[in-house]
Amino acid sequence: MDWKLYDLDGEFIQEVNCQFDACDFAVFNGATSVKIDFEKQEAYILSKEEN
């Protein structure tokens, strides 16, 4: 697993295989906006659905 996914607070959520998995898992966690850093192979949830 090369990529890492982080939540709104910058806390590590999980490792994922690729940028596509990072986006998918972010959406599963309620993300409405995600920042992808290709150089660092990291994804950050920037905003979530309001319940």
PDB file of N, CA and C in Angstrom:
ATOM      1  N   MET A   1       0.841  -1.160   0.000  1.00  0.00           N
ATOM      2  CA  MET A   1       0.000   0.000   0.000  1.00  0.00           C
ATOM      3  C   MET A   1       0.898   1.238   0.000  1.00  0.00           C
ATOM      4  N   ASP A   2       0.727   2.043  -1.026  1.00  0.00           N
ATOM      5  CA  ASP A   2       1.611   3.189  -1.194  1.00  0.00           C
ATOM      6  C   ASP A   2       1.009   4.510  -0.732  1.00  0.00           C
ATOM      7  N   TRP A   3      -0.311   4.636  -0.805  1.00  0.00           N
ATOM      8  CA  TRP A   3      -0.975   5.904  -0.516  1.00  0.00           C
ATOM      9  C   TRP A   3      -1.517   5.926   0.904  1.00  0.00           C
ATOM     10  N   LYS A   4      -1.658   7.162   1.447  1.00  0.00           N
ATOM     11  CA  LYS A   4      -2.216   7.345   2.777  1.00  0.00           C
ATOM     12  C   LYS A   4      -3.391   8.319   2.703  1.00  0.00           C
ATOM     13  N   LEU A   5      -4.414   8.051   3.507  1.00  0.00           N
ATOM     14  CA  LEU A   5      -5.606   8.887   3.575  1.00  0.00           C
ATOM     15  C   LEU A   5      -5.690   9.515   4.962  1.00  0.00           C
ATOM     16  N   TYR A   6      -5.975  10.845   4.991  1.00  0.00           N
ATOM     17  CA  TYR A   6      -6.056  11.597   6.241  1.00  0.00           C
ATOM     18  C   TYR A   6      -7.422  12.262   6.360  1.00  0.00           C
ATOM     19  N   ASP A   7      -7.876  12.459   7.612  1.00  0.00           N
ATOM     20  CA  ASP A   7      -9.175  13.085   7.836  1.00  0.00           C
ATOM     21  C   ASP A   7      -9.066  14.608   7.893  1.00  0.00           C
ATOM     22  N   LEU A   8     -10.163  15.268   8.248  1.00  0.00           N
ATOM     23  CA  LEU A   8     -10.224  16.733   8.307  1.00  0.00           C
ATOM     24  C   LEU A   8      -9.179  17.338   9.237  1.00  0.00           C
ATOM     25  N   ASP A   9      -8.836  16.622  10.293  1.00  0.00           N
ATOM     26  CA  ASP A   9      -7.883  17.113  11.284  1.00  0.00           C
ATOM     27  C   ASP A   9      -6.443  16.728  10.957  1.00  0.00           C
ATOM     28  N   GLY A  10      -6.238  16.107   9.798  1.00  0.00           N
ATOM     29  CA  GLY A  10      -4.899  15.674   9.417  1.00  0.00           C
ATOM     30  C   GLY A  10      -4.470  14.379  10.078  1.00  0.00           C
ATOM     31  N   GLU A  11      -5.433  13.701  10.708  1.00  0.00           N
ATOM     32  CA  GLU A  11      -5.149  12.423  11.359  1.00  0.00           C
ATOM     33  C   GLU A  11      -5.189  11.299  10.333  1.00  0.00           C
ATOM     34  N   PHE A  12      -4.225  10.406  10.414  1.00  0.00           N
ATOM     35  CA  PHE A  12      -4.134   9.262   9.506  1.00  0.00           C
ATOM     36  C   PHE A  12      -5.368   8.378   9.671  1.00  0.00           C
ATOM     37  N   ILE A  13      -5.995   8.011   8.535  1.00  0.00           N
ATOM     38  CA  ILE A  13      -7.136   7.091   8.551  1.00  0.00           C
ATOM     39  C   ILE A  13      -6.672   5.685   8.174  1.00  0.00           C
ATOM     40  N   GLN A  14      -6.053   5.556   6.993  1.00  0.00           N
ATOM     41  CA  GLN A  14      -5.613   4.235   6.541  1.00  0.00           C
ATOM     42  C   GLN A  14      -4.721   4.340   5.315  1.00  0.00           C
ATOM     43  N   GLU A  15      -3.997   3.255   5.056  1.00  0.00           N
ATOM     44  CA  GLU A  15      -3.217   3.126   3.827  1.00  0.00           C
ATOM     45  C   GLU A  15      -4.119   2.547   2.748  1.00  0.00           C
ATOM     46  N   VAL A  16      -3.905   2.991   1.514  1.00  0.00           N
ATOM     47  CA  VAL A  16      -4.679   2.493   0.373  1.00  0.00           C
ATOM     48  C   VAL A  16      -3.722   2.219  -0.785  1.00  0.00           C
ATOM     49  N   ASN A  17      -4.215   1.532  -1.802  1.00  0.00           N
ATOM     50  CA  ASN A  17      -3.363   1.114  -2.913  1.00  0.00           C
ATOM     51  C   ASN A  17      -2.990   2.230  -3.878  1.00  0.00           C
ATOM     52  N   CYS A  18      -3.916   3.160  -4.132  1.00  0.00           N
ATOM     53  CA  CYS A  18      -3.676   4.154  -5.172  1.00  0.00           C
ATOM     54  C   CYS A  18      -4.562   5.372  -4.947  1.00  0.00           C
ATOM     55  N   GLN A  19      -4.394   6.390  -5.785  1.00  0.00           N
ATOM     56  CA  GLN A  19      -5.190   7.613  -5.644  1.00  0.00           C
ATOM     57  C   GLN A  19      -6.678   7.345  -5.838  1.00  0.00           C
ATOM     58  N   PHE A  20      -7.026   6.379  -6.665  1.00  0.00           N
ATOM     59  CA  PHE A  20      -8.437   6.054  -6.879  1.00  0.00           C
ATOM     60  C   PHE A  20      -9.045   5.462  -5.610  1.00  0.00           C
ATOM     61  N   ASP A  21      -8.314   4.580  -4.938  1.00  0.00           N
ATOM     62  CA  ASP A  21      -8.792   4.019  -3.674  1.00  0.00           C
ATOM     63  C   ASP A  21      -8.892   5.101  -2.615  1.00  0.00           C
ATOM     64  N   ALA A  22      -7.948   6.028  -2.605  1.00  0.00           N
ATOM     65  CA  ALA A  22      -7.986   7.131  -1.644  1.00  0.00           C
ATOM     66  C   ALA A  22      -9.272   7.932  -1.818  1.00  0.00           C
ATOM     67  N   CYS A  23      -9.628   8.218  -3.050  1.00  0.00           N
ATOM     68  CA  CYS A  23     -10.872   8.958  -3.320  1.00  0.00           C
ATOM     69  C   CYS A  23     -12.086   8.142  -2.919  1.00  0.00           C
ATOM     70  N   ASP A  24     -12.105   6.866  -3.257  1.00  0.00           N
ATOM     71  CA  ASP A  24     -13.236   6.000  -2.906  1.00  0.00           C
ATOM     72  C   ASP A  24     -13.428   5.923  -1.396  1.00  0.00           C
ATOM     73  N   PHE A  25     -12.352   5.664  -0.652  1.00  0.00           N
ATOM     74  CA  PHE A  25     -12.460   5.556   0.798  1.00  0.00           C
ATOM     75  C   PHE A  25     -12.823   6.893   1.427  1.00  0.00           C
ATOM     76  N   ALA A  26     -12.362   7.983   0.858  1.00  0.00           N
ATOM     77  CA  ALA A  26     -12.740   9.307   1.357  1.00  0.00           C
ATOM     78  C   ALA A  26     -14.245   9.508   1.225  1.00  0.00           C
ATOM     79  N   VAL A  27     -14.809   9.129   0.086  1.00  0.00           N
ATOM     80  CA  VAL A  27     -16.251   9.251  -0.126  1.00  0.00           C
ATOM     81  C   VAL A  27     -17.007   8.334   0.841  1.00  0.00           C
ATOM     82  N   PHE A  28     -16.503   7.125   1.059  1.00  0.00           N
ATOM     83  CA  PHE A  28     -17.131   6.220   2.021  1.00  0.00           C
ATOM     84  C   PHE A  28     -17.156   6.838   3.413  1.00  0.00           C
ATOM     85  N   ASN A  29     -16.188   7.719   3.710  1.00  0.00           N
ATOM     86  CA  ASN A  29     -16.115   8.405   4.994  1.00  0.00           C
ATOM     87  C   ASN A  29     -16.866   9.731   4.985  1.00  0.00           C
ATOM     88  N   GLY A  30     -17.663   9.985   3.942  1.00  0.00           N
ATOM     89  CA  GLY A  30     -18.512  11.168   3.889  1.00  0.00           C
ATOM     90  C   GLY A  30     -17.877  12.400   3.272  1.00  0.00           C
ATOM     91  N   ALA A  31     -16.733  12.265   2.632  1.00  0.00           N
ATOM     92  CA  ALA A  31     -16.038  13.419   2.060  1.00  0.00           C
ATOM     93  C   ALA A  31     -16.810  14.028   0.894  1.00  0.00           C
ATOM     94  N   THR A  32     -16.793  15.355   0.845  1.00  0.00           N
ATOM     95  CA  THR A  32     -17.349  16.078  -0.298  1.00  0.00           C
ATOM     96  C   THR A  32     -16.246  16.798  -1.066  1.00  0.00           C
ATOM     97  N   SER A  33     -15.061  16.904  -0.443  1.00  0.00           N
ATOM     98  CA  SER A  33     -13.912  17.539  -1.083  1.00  0.00           C
ATOM     99  C   SER A  33     -12.646  16.858  -0.581  1.00  0.00           C
ATOM    100  N   VAL A  34     -11.744  16.543  -1.527  1.00  0.00           N
ATOM    101  CA  VAL A  34     -10.515  15.830  -1.193  1.00  0.00           C
ATOM    102  C   VAL A  34      -9.335  16.485  -1.904  1.00  0.00           C
ATOM    103  N   LYS A  35      -8.229  16.644  -1.194  1.00  0.00           N
ATOM    104  CA  LYS A  35      -6.981  17.140  -1.786  1.00  0.00           C
ATOM    105  C   LYS A  35      -6.087  15.936  -2.054  1.00  0.00           C
ATOM    106  N   ILE A  36      -5.595  15.828  -3.283  1.00  0.00           N
ATOM    107  CA  ILE A  36      -4.709  14.732  -3.667  1.00  0.00           C
ATOM    108  C   ILE A  36      -3.305  15.292  -3.879  1.00  0.00           C
ATOM    109  N   ASP A  37      -2.329  14.718  -3.193  1.00  0.00           N
ATOM    110  CA  ASP A  37      -0.929  15.111  -3.353  1.00  0.00           C
ATOM    111  C   ASP A  37      -0.218  13.942  -4.033  1.00  0.00           C
ATOM    112  N   PHE A  38      -0.029  14.052  -5.343  1.00  0.00           N
ATOM    113  CA  PHE A  38       0.565  12.959  -6.112  1.00  0.00           C
ATOM    114  C   PHE A  38       2.025  12.730  -5.741  1.00  0.00           C
ATOM    115  N   GLU A  39       2.738  13.791  -5.461  1.00  0.00           N
ATOM    116  CA  GLU A  39       4.165  13.660  -5.127  1.00  0.00           C
ATOM    117  C   GLU A  39       4.363  12.879  -3.826  1.00  0.00           C
ATOM    118  N   LYS A  40       3.560  13.187  -2.811  1.00  0.00           N
ATOM    119  CA  LYS A  40       3.682  12.519  -1.516  1.00  0.00           C
ATOM    120  C   LYS A  40       2.833  11.248  -1.426  1.00  0.00           C
ATOM    121  N   GLN A  41       1.981  11.039  -2.413  1.00  0.00           N
ATOM    122  CA  GLN A  41       1.046   9.915  -2.435  1.00  0.00           C
ATOM    123  C   GLN A  41       0.157   9.937  -1.187  1.00  0.00           C
ATOM    124  N   GLU A  42      -0.488  11.099  -0.986  1.00  0.00           N
ATOM    125  CA  GLU A  42      -1.370  11.296   0.143  1.00  0.00           C
ATOM    126  C   GLU A  42      -2.673  11.947  -0.316  1.00  0.00           C
ATOM    127  N   ALA A  43      -3.744  11.647   0.411  1.00  0.00           N
ATOM    128  CA  ALA A  43      -5.046  12.268   0.159  1.00  0.00           C
ATOM    129  C   ALA A  43      -5.576  12.811   1.479  1.00  0.00           C
ATOM    130  N   TYR A  44      -6.160  14.015   1.411  1.00  0.00           N
ATOM    131  CA  TYR A  44      -6.671  14.686   2.604  1.00  0.00           C
ATOM    132  C   TYR A  44      -8.138  15.041   2.399  1.00  0.00           C
ATOM    133  N   ILE A  45      -8.980  14.638   3.333  1.00  0.00           N
ATOM    134  CA  ILE A  45     -10.379  15.036   3.296  1.00  0.00           C
ATOM    135  C   ILE A  45     -10.442  16.492   3.724  1.00  0.00           C
ATOM    136  N   LEU A  46     -11.007  17.355   2.869  1.00  0.00           N
ATOM    137  CA  LEU A  46     -11.096  18.779   3.155  1.00  0.00           C
ATOM    138  C   LEU A  46     -12.454  19.181   3.707  1.00  0.00           C
ATOM    139  N   SER A  47     -13.508  18.473   3.303  1.00  0.00           N
ATOM    140  CA  SER A  47     -14.841  18.744   3.838  1.00  0.00           C
ATOM    141  C   SER A  47     -15.673  17.477   3.785  1.00  0.00           C
ATOM    142  N   LYS A  48     -16.682  17.440   4.653  1.00  0.00           N
ATOM    143  CA  LYS A  48     -17.568  16.278   4.746  1.00  0.00           C
ATOM    144  C   LYS A  48     -19.015  16.725   4.666  1.00  0.00           C
ATOM    145  N   GLU A  49     -19.891  15.756   4.355  1.00  0.00           N
ATOM    146  CA  GLU A  49     -21.334  15.997   4.351  1.00  0.00           C
ATOM    147  C   GLU A  49     -21.771  16.401   5.748  1.00  0.00           C
ATOM    148  N   GLU A  50     -22.692  17.327   5.811  1.00  0.00           N
ATOM    149  CA  GLU A  50     -23.261  17.698   7.102  1.00  0.00           C
ATOM    150  C   GLU A  50     -24.505  16.869   7.325  1.00  0.00           C
ATOM    151  N   ASN A  51     -24.588  16.268   8.504  1.00  0.00           N
ATOM    152  CA  ASN A  51     -25.741  15.406   8.824  1.00  0.00           C
ATOM    153  C   ASN A  51     -26.794  16.174   9.569  1.00  0.00           C
TER     154      ASN A  51
END
